[in-house]
Amino acid sequence: MTVAIVQFGGSNCDRDAERALSHLDIDAERVWHEDGLPEDATGVMLPGGFSYGDYLRAGAIAANSPIMTDVRAAAEDGVPVLGVCNGAQIGSESRLTPGAFTTNQSARFQCERVHVRIENADTPWTARYEEGEVIELPIAHGEGRFEITDEKLETLNDEDRILFRYCDAEGNVTEDANPNGSKESVAGVLGERENVAVLMPHPERISLPDIGGTDGQGILRGFSG
């Protein structure tokens, strides 16, 4: 298995992702977007950063890069695809997942640790956790507020496609525990198939014991089935 970590101009979490995956014995390589998706890629990660300087909207330009045509085709073929932070914005802009990520309610960049609750543990990305379990993950974004129509949000709820919700340390979903004003405190969702997921918090930044914890490991292990 080789996970292709797609680099765009402005990506800055690609090396973090590669190191975190390697620590879990998951083969990974960084791929420059202009070079296309390797035919032997058995997973795709869209990492965090500021692709194209977040011009127009965060993730909007990267979503129109030719490699995303390859990524969408791979996703339709069942290849695991994970978008993190800017990668989540790219994922939503390219319609891999529903909804959109917009300017934080605070109108400022936020870099802190938050708690999220596992809403559906029956997916490759959450199978290492228990439903209702609370984990701690870092966030670092200015446009992380999840927005979606009420009708589409109802569909996500009905189809168990919400993976994570922001919460407090005890698992309570409250306005105070919602760092960016996301609708219904949503922090991560599935695409139409469970092999595709996006989330705003950074699991790769809390997957190595020597840099502050391992709560994010279970999410990354979604690449190993």
Protein backbone atom coordinates (compact mmCIF):
# COMPACT_ATOMS: atom_id res chain seq x y z
CA MET A 1 0.00 0.00 0.00
CA THR A 2 1.27 3.46 -0.92
CA VAL A 3 -0.68 6.54 0.10
CA ALA A 4 -0.17 9.48 -2.26
CA ILE A 5 0.03 12.74 -0.29
CA VAL A 6 -0.87 15.40 -2.83
CA GLN A 7 1.21 18.57 -2.67
CA PHE A 8 -0.09 21.85 -4.05
CA GLY A 9 1.66 25.19 -3.99
CA GLY A 10 1.15 26.30 -0.40
CA SER A 11 0.68 22.85 1.16
CA ASN A 12 2.59 22.73 4.43
CA CYS A 13 1.41 19.63 6.29
CA ASP A 14 2.54 17.08 3.71
CA ARG A 15 5.76 16.17 5.54
CA ASP A 16 3.87 15.87 8.83
CA ALA A 17 1.41 13.51 7.16
CA GLU A 18 4.18 11.43 5.61
CA ARG A 19 5.98 11.05 8.91
CA ALA A 20 2.79 10.17 10.81
CA LEU A 21 1.79 7.52 8.26
CA SER A 22 5.29 6.07 8.17
CA HIS A 23 5.24 5.80 11.97
CA LEU A 24 2.17 3.57 11.55
CA ASP A 25 3.99 1.43 8.95
CA ILE A 26 1.80 2.81 6.17
CA ASP A 27 3.83 3.50 3.03
CA ALA A 28 3.38 7.06 1.85
CA GLU A 29 4.94 9.36 -0.71
CA ARG A 30 4.49 13.03 -1.48
CA VAL A 31 3.21 13.67 -5.01
CA TRP A 32 3.40 17.05 -6.74
CA HIS A 33 -0.01 17.84 -8.18
CA GLU A 34 1.32 18.56 -11.68
CA ASP A 35 2.75 15.04 -11.89
CA GLY A 36 -0.64 13.38 -11.60
CA LEU A 37 -1.78 10.60 -9.31
CA PRO A 38 0.43 7.47 -9.48
CA GLU A 39 -1.40 4.51 -10.96
CA ASP A 40 -0.32 2.30 -8.06
CA ALA A 41 -1.62 4.65 -5.35
CA THR A 42 -3.75 2.67 -2.93
CA GLY A 43 -4.74 5.72 -0.89
CA VAL A 44 -4.85 9.51 -1.26
CA MET A 45 -4.35 12.17 1.39
CA LEU A 46 -5.08 15.85 0.77
CA PRO A 47 -3.00 17.57 3.46
CA GLY A 48 -3.37 20.85 5.27
CA GLY A 49 -1.81 24.16 4.38
CA PHE A 50 -2.74 27.17 2.31
CA SER A 51 -2.97 25.91 -1.28
CA TYR A 52 -2.63 28.83 -3.67
CA GLY A 53 -2.68 31.22 -0.73
CA ASP A 54 -6.39 30.54 -0.13
CA TYR A 55 -7.19 32.93 -2.98
CA LEU A 56 -10.87 33.06 -4.06
CA ARG A 57 -11.84 30.62 -1.30
CA ALA A 58 -9.78 28.18 0.68
CA GLY A 59 -9.28 25.10 -1.49
CA ALA A 60 -11.12 26.50 -4.52
CA ILE A 61 -8.16 26.71 -6.91
CA ALA A 62 -6.63 23.38 -5.87
CA ALA A 63 -10.02 21.72 -6.38
CA ASN A 64 -9.73 22.58 -10.08
CA SER A 65 -6.24 21.13 -10.49
CA PRO A 66 -6.18 18.28 -13.05
CA ILE A 67 -5.01 15.81 -10.42
CA MET A 68 -8.35 16.14 -8.67
CA THR A 69 -9.98 14.46 -11.66
CA ASP A 70 -7.72 11.49 -10.89
CA VAL A 71 -8.56 11.70 -7.19
CA ARG A 72 -12.30 11.69 -7.87
CA ALA A 73 -11.92 8.69 -10.18
CA ALA A 74 -9.88 6.86 -7.54
CA ALA A 75 -12.51 7.63 -4.92
CA GLU A 76 -15.23 6.21 -7.19
CA ASP A 77 -13.11 3.06 -7.52
CA GLY A 78 -13.07 2.65 -3.75
CA VAL A 79 -9.59 4.04 -3.03
CA PRO A 80 -9.42 5.59 0.49
CA VAL A 81 -9.29 9.39 0.31
CA LEU A 82 -8.79 11.62 3.36
CA GLY A 83 -8.82 15.42 3.35
CA VAL A 84 -7.48 17.26 6.39
CA CYS A 85 -7.98 21.00 7.05
CA ASN A 86 -7.08 22.62 3.71
CA GLY A 87 -7.52 19.14 2.28
CA ALA A 88 -11.06 19.13 3.68
CA GLN A 89 -11.70 22.48 2.00
CA ILE A 90 -10.35 21.05 -1.28
CA GLY A 91 -12.53 17.98 -0.80
CA SER A 92 -15.69 20.01 -0.35
CA GLU A 93 -14.83 22.41 -3.19
CA SER A 94 -14.30 19.44 -5.53
CA ARG A 95 -17.57 17.84 -4.36
CA LEU A 96 -15.95 14.79 -2.88
CA THR A 97 -17.99 15.63 0.21
CA PRO A 98 -21.05 17.83 0.79
CA GLY A 99 -21.15 21.22 2.43
CA ALA A 100 -18.55 23.96 2.59
CA PHE A 101 -15.97 25.34 5.01
CA THR A 102 -16.20 29.08 5.53
CA THR A 103 -14.72 31.84 7.69
CA ASN A 104 -14.64 31.06 11.39
CA GLN A 105 -17.36 32.69 13.46
CA SER A 106 -14.60 34.54 15.30
CA ALA A 107 -13.30 35.92 11.96
CA ARG A 108 -9.77 35.01 13.03
CA PHE A 109 -7.28 32.20 12.59
CA GLN A 110 -7.51 29.67 15.42
CA CYS A 111 -4.75 27.31 16.49
CA GLU A 112 -5.58 25.21 19.54
CA ARG A 113 -6.49 21.75 20.73
CA VAL A 114 -10.13 20.75 20.74
CA HIS A 115 -12.21 17.73 21.66
CA VAL A 116 -14.31 15.83 19.15
CA ARG A 117 -16.84 13.06 19.70
CA ILE A 118 -16.98 9.99 17.49
CA GLU A 119 -20.44 9.98 15.93
CA ASN A 120 -20.13 6.87 13.77
CA ALA A 121 -17.56 4.20 14.64
CA ASP A 122 -18.56 1.91 11.79
CA THR A 123 -16.27 3.39 9.12
CA PRO A 124 -12.65 2.75 8.13
CA TRP A 125 -11.68 6.15 9.62
CA THR A 126 -13.31 5.59 13.01
CA ALA A 127 -13.26 1.81 13.49
CA ARG A 128 -10.46 2.08 16.08
CA TYR A 129 -12.69 4.13 18.37
CA GLU A 130 -15.97 3.57 20.16
CA GLU A 131 -19.10 5.48 19.22
CA GLY A 132 -19.39 8.40 21.64
CA GLU A 133 -15.67 8.30 22.49
CA VAL A 134 -14.01 11.69 22.93
CA ILE A 135 -10.57 12.36 21.49
CA GLU A 136 -8.37 15.44 21.45
CA LEU A 137 -7.12 16.87 18.14
CA PRO A 138 -5.40 20.11 17.11
CA ILE A 139 -7.02 22.67 14.82
CA ALA A 140 -5.28 25.41 12.83
CA HIS A 141 -7.59 27.23 10.44
CA GLY A 142 -9.24 30.49 9.54
CA GLU A 143 -11.98 28.98 7.37
CA GLY A 144 -13.12 25.92 9.26
CA ARG A 145 -16.79 26.66 9.90
CA PHE A 146 -18.85 23.88 8.32
CA GLU A 147 -21.93 25.12 6.49
CA ILE A 148 -24.58 23.13 4.67
CA THR A 149 -28.27 23.41 3.88
CA ASP A 150 -30.70 22.04 6.42
CA GLU A 151 -31.94 19.50 3.89
CA LYS A 152 -28.47 18.13 3.13
CA LEU A 153 -27.56 18.12 6.82
CA GLU A 154 -30.65 16.04 7.52
CA THR A 155 -29.47 13.59 4.85
CA LEU A 156 -26.02 13.37 6.47
CA ASN A 157 -27.61 12.66 9.83
CA ASP A 158 -30.03 10.09 8.41
CA GLU A 159 -27.22 8.28 6.57
CA ASP A 160 -24.79 8.38 9.53
CA ARG A 161 -22.26 10.34 7.47
CA ILE A 162 -21.21 12.71 10.24
CA LEU A 163 -17.98 11.34 11.68
CA PHE A 164 -17.02 13.87 14.34
CA ARG A 165 -18.62 16.68 16.31
CA TYR A 166 -16.84 19.27 18.42
CA CYS A 167 -17.57 18.75 22.10
CA ASP A 168 -16.19 19.38 25.56
CA ALA A 169 -13.94 16.93 27.41
CA GLU A 170 -17.00 15.05 28.72
CA GLY A 171 -18.53 14.65 25.28
CA ASN A 172 -21.17 17.36 25.58
CA VAL A 173 -21.87 19.15 22.29
CA THR A 174 -22.26 22.78 23.28
CA GLU A 175 -21.91 26.19 21.70
CA ASP A 176 -18.88 26.93 23.90
CA ALA A 177 -17.14 23.75 22.71
CA ASN A 178 -17.67 24.64 19.05
CA PRO A 179 -14.46 26.51 18.13
CA ASN A 180 -15.50 27.93 14.77
CA GLY A 181 -19.30 28.04 14.67
CA SER A 182 -19.75 24.93 12.52
CA LYS A 183 -23.35 23.95 11.90
CA GLU A 184 -24.40 21.36 14.46
CA SER A 185 -20.76 21.35 15.62
CA VAL A 186 -19.75 19.15 12.67
CA ALA A 187 -15.98 18.57 12.48
CA GLY A 188 -15.80 15.80 9.85
CA VAL A 189 -18.02 14.05 7.34
CA LEU A 190 -18.11 11.17 4.88
CA GLY A 191 -18.62 11.43 1.15
CA GLU A 192 -21.25 9.36 -0.60
CA ARG A 193 -19.05 6.33 0.09
CA GLU A 194 -17.31 5.58 3.36
CA ASN A 195 -13.88 5.43 1.68
CA VAL A 196 -13.93 9.24 1.40
CA ALA A 197 -13.76 11.49 4.45
CA VAL A 198 -12.78 15.05 5.35
CA LEU A 199 -12.20 16.73 8.69
CA MET A 200 -10.88 20.07 9.86
CA PRO A 201 -8.79 18.93 12.87
CA HIS A 202 -5.31 17.50 12.23
CA PRO A 203 -4.94 13.81 13.20
CA GLU A 204 -1.36 13.73 11.85
CA ARG A 205 -0.29 16.33 14.42
CA ILE A 206 -1.28 14.08 17.31
CA SER A 207 -0.16 10.69 16.05
CA LEU A 208 3.41 10.54 17.35
CA PRO A 209 3.98 9.87 21.06
CA ASP A 210 6.98 12.20 21.22
CA ILE A 211 5.03 15.25 20.04
CA GLY A 212 2.08 15.25 22.36
CA GLY A 213 -0.21 12.27 21.96
CA THR A 214 -1.64 9.55 19.76
CA ASP A 215 -5.37 10.30 19.60
CA GLY A 216 -5.21 10.83 15.84
CA GLN A 217 -3.67 7.48 14.97
CA GLY A 218 -6.96 5.68 14.57
CA ILE A 219 -8.09 8.06 11.85
CA LEU A 220 -4.91 7.58 9.81
CA ARG A 221 -5.17 3.81 10.19
CA GLY A 222 -8.21 4.07 7.95
CA PHE A 223 -5.72 3.76 5.10
CA SER A 224 -4.76 0.27 6.23
CA GLY A 225 -8.31 -1.07 6.18
